Amino acid sequence: HKESYEKLHPTGPKHDYAWHTEAMDRAMQGGIDDVGLGVLFGLESYRYEFAALLMHAEHLEAVYGVGPHTISVPRIRRADDIDPSMFSNAVDDETFYKVVACIRVAVPYTGMIVSTRESRECRERLLHLGVSQISGGSRTSVGGYCEPEPEDENSAQFEVSDRRTLDEVVRWLIDLGYIPSFCTACYREGRTGDRFMSLCKSGQIQNCCHPNALMTLMEYLEDYASAETKAAGEALILKELGSIPSEKVRQIVVHNLEKIRNGSRDFRL
């Protein structure tokens, strides 16, 4: 929402609304295949932001033949100097769930991202509604991954609601029946832009995503997981191997999983 944006960014490099709104166009014109969209829900009416977000996705599809690779759905949360109750357009949980569900229906091919702004309970509900990417063990302060920040120097962008470690999040996903995937194969194999989009819209991308998810999960289990998470993850992988429809692909994955157990890394289809 232009007026709200300019009111909240009265000066500085972020003041130019058009420059920021058209960033995705400039990126794609410059040769970047994949771009992501997202609005911070709560600054303006969620109805306006929701409609504008979908119109932006429609614009990218119409002009470049490629819609957004991802859509993020952050909302106003508590921070050092932010009280969500002071925002008249703050979005409650039930409305937030409806927004996410409608985005998933409207843009079924895109990855949807939710961060540790949201609680464990909220994120679990959102996973069932179509969110496909989540973070774990996040730090939102400047240099937060290097060393703890003194409380009197709080630079966090927002308060983290889900404070579980990455291992705890991975185990939680496994217990829910999801496959925690660390895959980046499409970027590295050149499956981006219209090449990725055609596979995604046809559903064929699962022939890559499913095997790659199992192999990258095994790498995580071998290198970083706790004993309990490793045991649960290996059981999930064994179960999921039977869901790979191609016998040839299944045998490749089985072979690569054994190599991963023996110390090799970086397999992908």
C-alpha atoms as a PDB file:
ATOM      1  CA  HIS A   1       0.000   0.000   0.000  1.00  0.00           C
ATOM      2  CA  LYS A   2       1.782   3.079  -1.291  1.00  0.00           C
ATOM      3  CA  GLU A   3       0.546   5.668   1.220  1.00  0.00           C
ATOM      4  CA  SER A   4       1.198   3.416   4.212  1.00  0.00           C
ATOM      5  CA  TYR A   5       4.629   2.474   2.886  1.00  0.00           C
ATOM      6  CA  GLU A   6       5.695   6.081   2.411  1.00  0.00           C
ATOM      7  CA  LYS A   7       4.397   7.021   5.855  1.00  0.00           C
ATOM      8  CA  LEU A   8       6.469   4.254   7.458  1.00  0.00           C
ATOM      9  CA  HIS A   9       9.545   5.049   5.309  1.00  0.00           C
ATOM     10  CA  PRO A  10       9.581   8.865   5.284  1.00  0.00           C
ATOM     11  CA  THR A  11      13.278   9.191   4.368  1.00  0.00           C
ATOM     12  CA  GLY A  12      16.299   7.135   3.437  1.00  0.00           C
ATOM     13  CA  PRO A  13      17.079   4.590   0.705  1.00  0.00           C
ATOM     14  CA  LYS A  14      13.867   2.611   1.301  1.00  0.00           C
ATOM     15  CA  HIS A  15      11.597   5.628   0.819  1.00  0.00           C
ATOM     16  CA  ASP A  16      11.170   5.095  -2.945  1.00  0.00           C
ATOM     17  CA  TYR A  17       8.075   2.876  -3.162  1.00  0.00           C
ATOM     18  CA  ALA A  18       8.279   2.284  -6.908  1.00  0.00           C
ATOM     19  CA  TRP A  19      11.965   1.352  -6.771  1.00  0.00           C
ATOM     20  CA  HIS A  20      11.284  -1.374  -4.223  1.00  0.00           C
ATOM     21  CA  THR A  21       8.046  -2.619  -5.757  1.00  0.00           C
ATOM     22  CA  GLU A  22       9.690  -2.992  -9.166  1.00  0.00           C
ATOM     23  CA  ALA A  23      12.813  -4.717  -7.836  1.00  0.00           C
ATOM     24  CA  MET A  24      11.620  -8.121  -9.071  1.00  0.00           C
ATOM     25  CA  ASP A  25      11.153  -6.773 -12.598  1.00  0.00           C
ATOM     26  CA  ARG A  26      14.669  -5.344 -12.643  1.00  0.00           C
ATOM     27  CA  ALA A  27      16.065  -8.617 -11.318  1.00  0.00           C
ATOM     28  CA  MET A  28      14.377 -10.701 -14.011  1.00  0.00           C
ATOM     29  CA  GLN A  29      15.312  -8.218 -16.720  1.00  0.00           C
ATOM     30  CA  GLY A  30      18.892  -8.507 -15.486  1.00  0.00           C
ATOM     31  CA  GLY A  31      18.917 -12.283 -15.909  1.00  0.00           C
ATOM     32  CA  ILE A  32      17.913 -13.575 -12.479  1.00  0.00           C
ATOM     33  CA  ASP A  33      15.570 -16.503 -13.096  1.00  0.00           C
ATOM     34  CA  ASP A  34      13.854 -16.814  -9.730  1.00  0.00           C
ATOM     35  CA  VAL A  35      12.463 -14.116  -7.464  1.00  0.00           C
ATOM     36  CA  GLY A  36      10.433 -14.204  -4.279  1.00  0.00           C
ATOM     37  CA  LEU A  37       7.525 -12.079  -3.110  1.00  0.00           C
ATOM     38  CA  GLY A  38       6.119 -11.236   0.290  1.00  0.00           C
ATOM     39  CA  VAL A  39       4.452  -8.518   2.312  1.00  0.00           C
ATOM     40  CA  LEU A  40       4.625  -7.764   6.015  1.00  0.00           C
ATOM     41  CA  PHE A  41       1.017  -8.343   7.019  1.00  0.00           C
ATOM     42  CA  GLY A  42      -0.304  -5.912   9.605  1.00  0.00           C
ATOM     43  CA  LEU A  43       0.847  -2.574   8.216  1.00  0.00           C
ATOM     44  CA  GLU A  44      -2.220  -2.150   6.018  1.00  0.00           C
ATOM     45  CA  SER A  45      -5.497  -4.007   5.504  1.00  0.00           C
ATOM     46  CA  TYR A  46      -4.710  -7.676   4.922  1.00  0.00           C
ATOM     47  CA  ARG A  47      -7.339  -7.741   2.176  1.00  0.00           C
ATOM     48  CA  TYR A  48      -5.483  -5.077   0.207  1.00  0.00           C
ATOM     49  CA  GLU A  49      -2.081  -6.686   0.766  1.00  0.00           C
ATOM     50  CA  PHE A  50      -3.404 -10.136  -0.146  1.00  0.00           C
ATOM     51  CA  ALA A  51      -4.935  -8.914  -3.405  1.00  0.00           C
ATOM     52  CA  ALA A  52      -1.844  -6.859  -4.276  1.00  0.00           C
ATOM     53  CA  LEU A  53       0.429  -9.836  -3.623  1.00  0.00           C
ATOM     54  CA  LEU A  54      -1.554 -12.049  -5.992  1.00  0.00           C
ATOM     55  CA  MET A  55      -1.682  -9.304  -8.627  1.00  0.00           C
ATOM     56  CA  HIS A  56       2.099  -8.989  -8.391  1.00  0.00           C
ATOM     57  CA  ALA A  57       2.447 -12.742  -8.933  1.00  0.00           C
ATOM     58  CA  GLU A  58       0.060 -12.528 -11.885  1.00  0.00           C
ATOM     59  CA  HIS A  59       2.105  -9.653 -13.351  1.00  0.00           C
ATOM     60  CA  LEU A  60       5.367 -11.625 -13.209  1.00  0.00           C
ATOM     61  CA  GLU A  61       3.707 -14.610 -14.848  1.00  0.00           C
ATOM     62  CA  ALA A  62       2.193 -12.482 -17.618  1.00  0.00           C
ATOM     63  CA  VAL A  63       5.344 -10.507 -18.422  1.00  0.00           C
ATOM     64  CA  TYR A  64       8.114 -13.056 -17.875  1.00  0.00           C
ATOM     65  CA  GLY A  65       6.274 -16.369 -18.059  1.00  0.00           C
ATOM     66  CA  VAL A  66       7.517 -17.204 -14.568  1.00  0.00           C
ATOM     67  CA  GLY A  67       5.667 -16.544 -11.338  1.00  0.00           C
ATOM     68  CA  PRO A  68       7.327 -16.125  -7.938  1.00  0.00           C
ATOM     69  CA  HIS A  69       9.584 -18.968  -6.839  1.00  0.00           C
ATOM     70  CA  THR A  70       8.607 -18.296  -3.229  1.00  0.00           C
ATOM     71  CA  ILE A  71       6.108 -16.232  -1.260  1.00  0.00           C
ATOM     72  CA  SER A  72       6.903 -15.235   2.317  1.00  0.00           C
ATOM     73  CA  VAL A  73       4.130 -14.503   4.802  1.00  0.00           C
ATOM     74  CA  PRO A  74       5.582 -12.541   7.735  1.00  0.00           C
ATOM     75  CA  ARG A  75       3.307 -10.499   9.972  1.00  0.00           C
ATOM     76  CA  ILE A  76       3.901  -7.818  12.572  1.00  0.00           C
ATOM     77  CA  ARG A  77       5.318  -9.404  15.721  1.00  0.00           C
ATOM     78  CA  ARG A  78       6.716  -8.042  18.947  1.00  0.00           C
ATOM     79  CA  ALA A  79      10.216  -6.532  18.835  1.00  0.00           C
ATOM     80  CA  ASP A  80      12.322  -4.293  21.081  1.00  0.00           C
ATOM     81  CA  ASP A  81      10.345  -1.167  20.159  1.00  0.00           C
ATOM     82  CA  ILE A  82       7.298  -2.716  18.481  1.00  0.00           C
ATOM     83  CA  ASP A  83       3.983  -3.620  20.101  1.00  0.00           C
ATOM     84  CA  PRO A  84       1.690  -5.395  17.596  1.00  0.00           C
ATOM     85  CA  SER A  85      -1.402  -4.225  19.498  1.00  0.00           C
ATOM     86  CA  MET A  86      -0.576  -0.665  18.429  1.00  0.00           C
ATOM     87  CA  PHE A  87      -1.209  -1.579  14.785  1.00  0.00           C
ATOM     88  CA  SER A  88      -4.890  -1.408  13.873  1.00  0.00           C
ATOM     89  CA  ASN A  89      -4.327  -3.753  10.920  1.00  0.00           C
ATOM     90  CA  ALA A  90      -2.552  -6.465  12.924  1.00  0.00           C
ATOM     91  CA  VAL A  91      -3.641  -9.926  11.744  1.00  0.00           C
ATOM     92  CA  ASP A  92      -4.980 -12.460  14.255  1.00  0.00           C
ATOM     93  CA  ASP A  93      -4.181 -16.171  14.011  1.00  0.00           C
ATOM     94  CA  GLU A  94      -7.417 -17.337  12.393  1.00  0.00           C
ATOM     95  CA  THR A  95      -7.279 -14.631   9.733  1.00  0.00           C
ATOM     96  CA  PHE A  96      -3.626 -15.427   9.131  1.00  0.00           C
ATOM     97  CA  TYR A  97      -4.455 -19.092   8.544  1.00  0.00           C
ATOM     98  CA  LYS A  98      -7.103 -18.120   5.997  1.00  0.00           C
ATOM     99  CA  VAL A  99      -4.684 -15.810   4.174  1.00  0.00           C
ATOM    100  CA  VAL A 100      -2.059 -18.556   3.910  1.00  0.00           C
ATOM    101  CA  ALA A 101      -4.608 -21.132   2.731  1.00  0.00           C
ATOM    102  CA  CYS A 102      -5.933 -18.779   0.053  1.00  0.00           C
ATOM    103  CA  ILE A 103      -2.434 -17.967  -1.197  1.00  0.00           C
ATOM    104  CA  ARG A 104      -1.723 -21.690  -1.492  1.00  0.00           C
ATOM    105  CA  VAL A 105      -4.886 -22.233  -3.535  1.00  0.00           C
ATOM    106  CA  ALA A 106      -4.218 -19.196  -5.737  1.00  0.00           C
ATOM    107  CA  VAL A 107      -0.516 -19.877  -6.379  1.00  0.00           C
ATOM    108  CA  PRO A 108      -0.132 -23.663  -6.043  1.00  0.00           C
ATOM    109  CA  TYR A 109       3.284 -23.833  -7.720  1.00  0.00           C
ATOM    110  CA  THR A 110       5.180 -21.521  -5.378  1.00  0.00           C
ATOM    111  CA  GLY A 111       7.133 -22.341  -2.242  1.00  0.00           C
ATOM    112  CA  MET A 112       5.645 -20.694   0.842  1.00  0.00           C
ATOM    113  CA  ILE A 113       7.883 -19.556   3.674  1.00  0.00           C
ATOM    114  CA  VAL A 114       7.131 -18.932   7.347  1.00  0.00           C
ATOM    115  CA  SER A 115       9.819 -17.946   9.831  1.00  0.00           C
ATOM    116  CA  THR A 116      10.442 -18.362  13.550  1.00  0.00           C
ATOM    117  CA  ARG A 117       8.387 -15.204  14.085  1.00  0.00           C
ATOM    118  CA  GLU A 118       5.556 -17.689  14.541  1.00  0.00           C
ATOM    119  CA  SER A 119       5.104 -20.152  17.386  1.00  0.00           C
ATOM    120  CA  ARG A 120       5.433 -23.910  17.116  1.00  0.00           C
ATOM    121  CA  GLU A 121       1.654 -24.316  17.264  1.00  0.00           C
ATOM    122  CA  CYS A 122       1.071 -21.738  14.559  1.00  0.00           C
ATOM    123  CA  ARG A 123       3.735 -23.196  12.283  1.00  0.00           C
ATOM    124  CA  GLU A 124       2.310 -26.688  12.636  1.00  0.00           C
ATOM    125  CA  ARG A 125      -1.099 -25.412  11.545  1.00  0.00           C
ATOM    126  CA  LEU A 126       0.471 -23.544   8.619  1.00  0.00           C
ATOM    127  CA  LEU A 127       2.304 -26.657   7.432  1.00  0.00           C
ATOM    128  CA  HIS A 128      -1.056 -28.373   7.041  1.00  0.00           C
ATOM    129  CA  LEU A 129      -2.331 -25.359   5.085  1.00  0.00           C
ATOM    130  CA  GLY A 130       0.440 -25.358   2.504  1.00  0.00           C
ATOM    131  CA  VAL A 131       3.583 -23.754   3.906  1.00  0.00           C
ATOM    132  CA  SER A 132       6.554 -25.644   2.449  1.00  0.00           C
ATOM    133  CA  GLN A 133       9.630 -23.907   3.885  1.00  0.00           C
ATOM    134  CA  ILE A 134      10.394 -23.078   7.506  1.00  0.00           C
ATOM    135  CA  SER A 135      13.445 -21.987   9.451  1.00  0.00           C
ATOM    136  CA  GLY A 136      14.945 -23.410  12.621  1.00  0.00           C
ATOM    137  CA  GLY A 137      17.471 -22.142  15.138  1.00  0.00           C
ATOM    138  CA  SER A 138      17.183 -18.623  13.702  1.00  0.00           C
ATOM    139  CA  ARG A 139      18.893 -15.491  15.035  1.00  0.00           C
ATOM    140  CA  THR A 140      17.547 -12.098  13.979  1.00  0.00           C
ATOM    141  CA  SER A 141      20.096  -9.782  15.614  1.00  0.00           C
ATOM    142  CA  VAL A 142      23.152  -8.317  13.912  1.00  0.00           C
ATOM    143  CA  GLY A 143      25.908 -10.952  14.045  1.00  0.00           C
ATOM    144  CA  GLY A 144      23.578 -13.235  15.974  1.00  0.00           C
ATOM    145  CA  TYR A 145      25.106 -16.437  14.620  1.00  0.00           C
ATOM    146  CA  CYS A 146      28.608 -15.432  15.744  1.00  0.00           C
ATOM    147  CA  GLU A 147      28.183 -14.593  19.419  1.00  0.00           C
ATOM    148  CA  PRO A 148      25.410 -13.827  21.922  1.00  0.00           C
ATOM    149  CA  GLU A 149      24.297 -10.207  22.057  1.00  0.00           C
ATOM    150  CA  PRO A 150      24.041  -8.366  25.400  1.00  0.00           C
ATOM    151  CA  GLU A 151      20.441  -7.655  26.386  1.00  0.00           C
ATOM    152  CA  ASP A 152      21.077  -3.897  26.517  1.00  0.00           C
ATOM    153  CA  GLU A 153      22.247  -3.947  22.878  1.00  0.00           C
ATOM    154  CA  ASN A 154      19.193  -5.632  21.403  1.00  0.00           C
ATOM    155  CA  SER A 155      19.355  -5.353  17.599  1.00  0.00           C
ATOM    156  CA  ALA A 156      16.917  -8.184  16.853  1.00  0.00           C
ATOM    157  CA  GLN A 157      14.582  -7.495  13.952  1.00  0.00           C
ATOM    158  CA  PHE A 158      11.794  -9.251  15.855  1.00  0.00           C
ATOM    159  CA  GLU A 159      11.339 -11.588  18.789  1.00  0.00           C
ATOM    160  CA  VAL A 160      11.738 -15.244  17.891  1.00  0.00           C
ATOM    161  CA  SER A 161       8.644 -17.180  18.967  1.00  0.00           C
ATOM    162  CA  ASP A 162       9.909 -20.662  18.076  1.00  0.00           C
ATOM    163  CA  ARG A 163      13.211 -20.983  19.940  1.00  0.00           C
ATOM    164  CA  ARG A 164      13.858 -24.661  19.276  1.00  0.00           C
ATOM    165  CA  THR A 165      17.188 -25.791  17.870  1.00  0.00           C
ATOM    166  CA  LEU A 166      17.459 -26.999  14.292  1.00  0.00           C
ATOM    167  CA  ASP A 167      17.727 -30.578  15.533  1.00  0.00           C
ATOM    168  CA  GLU A 168      14.504 -30.186  17.508  1.00  0.00           C
ATOM    169  CA  VAL A 169      12.704 -28.726  14.490  1.00  0.00           C
ATOM    170  CA  VAL A 170      13.945 -31.543  12.242  1.00  0.00           C
ATOM    171  CA  ARG A 171      12.791 -34.182  14.734  1.00  0.00           C
ATOM    172  CA  TRP A 172       9.413 -32.448  15.055  1.00  0.00           C
ATOM    173  CA  LEU A 173       8.924 -32.498  11.277  1.00  0.00           C
ATOM    174  CA  ILE A 174       9.857 -36.171  11.125  1.00  0.00           C
ATOM    175  CA  ASP A 175       7.386 -36.984  13.905  1.00  0.00           C
ATOM    176  CA  LEU A 176       4.694 -35.141  11.931  1.00  0.00           C
ATOM    177  CA  GLY A 177       5.448 -37.319   8.903  1.00  0.00           C
ATOM    178  CA  TYR A 178       7.183 -34.654   6.806  1.00  0.00           C
ATOM    179  CA  ILE A 179      10.570 -35.083   5.116  1.00  0.00           C
ATOM    180  CA  PRO A 180      12.949 -32.299   6.221  1.00  0.00           C
ATOM    181  CA  SER A 181      14.779 -31.463   2.993  1.00  0.00           C
ATOM    182  CA  PHE A 182      18.005 -29.487   2.688  1.00  0.00           C
ATOM    183  CA  CYS A 183      18.024 -29.744  -1.097  1.00  0.00           C
ATOM    184  CA  THR A 184      19.463 -27.057  -3.395  1.00  0.00           C
ATOM    185  CA  ALA A 185      19.720 -29.300  -6.461  1.00  0.00           C
ATOM    186  CA  CYS A 186      17.500 -27.266  -8.783  1.00  0.00           C
ATOM    187  CA  TYR A 187      19.673 -24.175  -8.474  1.00  0.00           C
ATOM    188  CA  ARG A 188      22.839 -26.174  -8.996  1.00  0.00           C
ATOM    189  CA  GLU A 189      21.455 -28.186 -11.908  1.00  0.00           C
ATOM    190  CA  GLY A 190      20.057 -25.143 -13.697  1.00  0.00           C
ATOM    191  CA  ARG A 191      16.422 -26.013 -13.037  1.00  0.00           C
ATOM    192  CA  THR A 192      15.399 -22.396 -12.503  1.00  0.00           C
ATOM    193  CA  GLY A 193      13.001 -19.917 -14.053  1.00  0.00           C
ATOM    194  CA  ASP A 194      10.763 -21.340 -16.769  1.00  0.00           C
ATOM    195  CA  ARG A 195      12.544 -24.705 -16.588  1.00  0.00           C
ATOM    196  CA  PHE A 196      11.655 -25.084 -12.920  1.00  0.00           C
ATOM    197  CA  MET A 197       8.167 -23.674 -13.385  1.00  0.00           C
ATOM    198  CA  SER A 198       7.209 -26.169 -16.105  1.00  0.00           C
ATOM    199  CA  LEU A 199       8.296 -29.085 -13.911  1.00  0.00           C
ATOM    200  CA  CYS A 200       6.520 -27.660 -10.893  1.00  0.00           C
ATOM    201  CA  LYS A 201       3.202 -26.933 -12.592  1.00  0.00           C
ATOM    202  CA  SER A 202       3.105 -30.387 -14.163  1.00  0.00           C
ATOM    203  CA  GLY A 203       3.942 -32.085 -10.871  1.00  0.00           C
ATOM    204  CA  GLN A 204       7.044 -33.709 -12.342  1.00  0.00           C
ATOM    205  CA  ILE A 205       9.278 -31.836  -9.907  1.00  0.00           C
ATOM    206  CA  GLN A 206       8.430 -34.435  -7.254  1.00  0.00           C
ATOM    207  CA  ASN A 207      10.526 -36.932  -9.236  1.00  0.00           C
ATOM    208  CA  CYS A 208      13.520 -34.787  -8.260  1.00  0.00           C
ATOM    209  CA  CYS A 209      12.392 -33.353  -4.925  1.00  0.00           C
ATOM    210  CA  HIS A 210      11.496 -36.606  -3.207  1.00  0.00           C
ATOM    211  CA  PRO A 211      14.766 -38.498  -3.866  1.00  0.00           C
ATOM    212  CA  ASN A 212      16.871 -35.391  -3.212  1.00  0.00           C
ATOM    213  CA  ALA A 213      15.047 -34.747   0.057  1.00  0.00           C
ATOM    214  CA  LEU A 214      15.900 -38.240   1.280  1.00  0.00           C
ATOM    215  CA  MET A 215      19.574 -37.910   0.349  1.00  0.00           C
ATOM    216  CA  THR A 216      20.032 -34.456   1.873  1.00  0.00           C
ATOM    217  CA  LEU A 217      18.219 -35.547   5.015  1.00  0.00           C
ATOM    218  CA  MET A 218      20.632 -38.465   5.323  1.00  0.00           C
ATOM    219  CA  GLU A 219      23.578 -36.061   5.068  1.00  0.00           C
ATOM    220  CA  TYR A 220      22.114 -33.990   7.897  1.00  0.00           C
ATOM    221  CA  LEU A 221      21.503 -37.089  10.016  1.00  0.00           C
ATOM    222  CA  GLU A 222      25.082 -38.279   9.541  1.00  0.00           C
ATOM    223  CA  ASP A 223      26.751 -34.925  10.189  1.00  0.00           C
ATOM    224  CA  TYR A 224      24.623 -32.996  12.680  1.00  0.00           C
ATOM    225  CA  ALA A 225      21.687 -34.889  14.168  1.00  0.00           C
ATOM    226  CA  SER A 226      21.300 -36.141  17.710  1.00  0.00           C
ATOM    227  CA  ALA A 227      21.094 -39.907  18.175  1.00  0.00           C
ATOM    228  CA  GLU A 228      17.317 -39.757  18.643  1.00  0.00           C
ATOM    229  CA  THR A 229      16.751 -37.621  15.552  1.00  0.00           C
ATOM    230  CA  LYS A 230      19.077 -39.817  13.508  1.00  0.00           C
ATOM    231  CA  ALA A 231      17.154 -42.961  14.437  1.00  0.00           C
ATOM    232  CA  ALA A 232      13.800 -41.359  13.619  1.00  0.00           C
ATOM    233  CA  GLY A 233      15.123 -39.936  10.354  1.00  0.00           C
ATOM    234  CA  GLU A 234      16.585 -43.227   9.167  1.00  0.00           C
ATOM    235  CA  ALA A 235      13.256 -44.944   9.829  1.00  0.00           C
ATOM    236  CA  LEU A 236      11.466 -42.274   7.795  1.00  0.00           C
ATOM    237  CA  ILE A 237      13.924 -42.616   4.908  1.00  0.00           C
ATOM    238  CA  LEU A 238      13.478 -46.392   4.849  1.00  0.00           C
ATOM    239  CA  LYS A 239       9.717 -45.947   4.720  1.00  0.00           C
ATOM    240  CA  GLU A 240       9.853 -43.274   2.003  1.00  0.00           C
ATOM    241  CA  LEU A 241      12.116 -45.319  -0.278  1.00  0.00           C
ATOM    242  CA  GLY A 242       9.115 -47.492  -1.041  1.00  0.00           C
ATOM    243  CA  SER A 243       7.244 -44.434  -2.338  1.00  0.00           C
ATOM    244  CA  ILE A 244       9.705 -43.731  -5.160  1.00  0.00           C
ATOM    245  CA  PRO A 245       7.794 -44.917  -8.255  1.00  0.00           C
ATOM    246  CA  SER A 246      10.807 -45.588 -10.484  1.00  0.00           C
ATOM    247  CA  GLU A 247      12.795 -48.698  -9.614  1.00  0.00           C
ATOM    248  CA  LYS A 248      15.835 -47.242 -11.378  1.00  0.00           C
ATOM    249  CA  VAL A 249      15.711 -44.032  -9.344  1.00  0.00           C
ATOM    250  CA  ARG A 250      15.091 -45.984  -6.143  1.00  0.00           C
ATOM    251  CA  GLN A 251      18.221 -48.049  -6.683  1.00  0.00           C
ATOM    252  CA  ILE A 252      20.266 -44.909  -7.386  1.00  0.00           C
ATOM    253  CA  VAL A 253      19.042 -43.389  -4.120  1.00  0.00           C
ATOM    254  CA  VAL A 254      19.732 -46.576  -2.141  1.00  0.00           C
ATOM    255  CA  HIS A 255      23.248 -46.679  -3.596  1.00  0.00           C
ATOM    256  CA  ASN A 256      23.863 -43.010  -2.774  1.00  0.00           C
ATOM    257  CA  LEU A 257      22.502 -43.371   0.756  1.00  0.00           C
ATOM    258  CA  GLU A 258      25.057 -46.089   1.415  1.00  0.00           C
ATOM    259  CA  LYS A 259      27.805 -43.843   0.059  1.00  0.00           C
ATOM    260  CA  ILE A 260      26.639 -41.064   2.381  1.00  0.00           C
ATOM    261  CA  ARG A 261      26.861 -43.430   5.349  1.00  0.00           C
ATOM    262  CA  ASN A 262      30.439 -44.159   4.282  1.00  0.00           C
ATOM    263  CA  GLY A 263      31.421 -40.492   4.185  1.00  0.00           C
ATOM    264  CA  SER A 264      30.642 -39.276   0.658  1.00  0.00           C
ATOM    265  CA  ARG A 265      28.535 -36.147   0.197  1.00  0.00           C
ATOM    266  CA  ASP A 266      26.706 -33.966  -2.309  1.00  0.00           C
ATOM    267  CA  PHE A 267      24.528 -36.343  -4.323  1.00  0.00           C
ATOM    268  CA  ARG A 268      21.596 -35.002  -6.307  1.00  0.00           C
ATOM    269  CA  LEU A 269      19.254 -35.838  -9.159  1.00  0.00           C
END
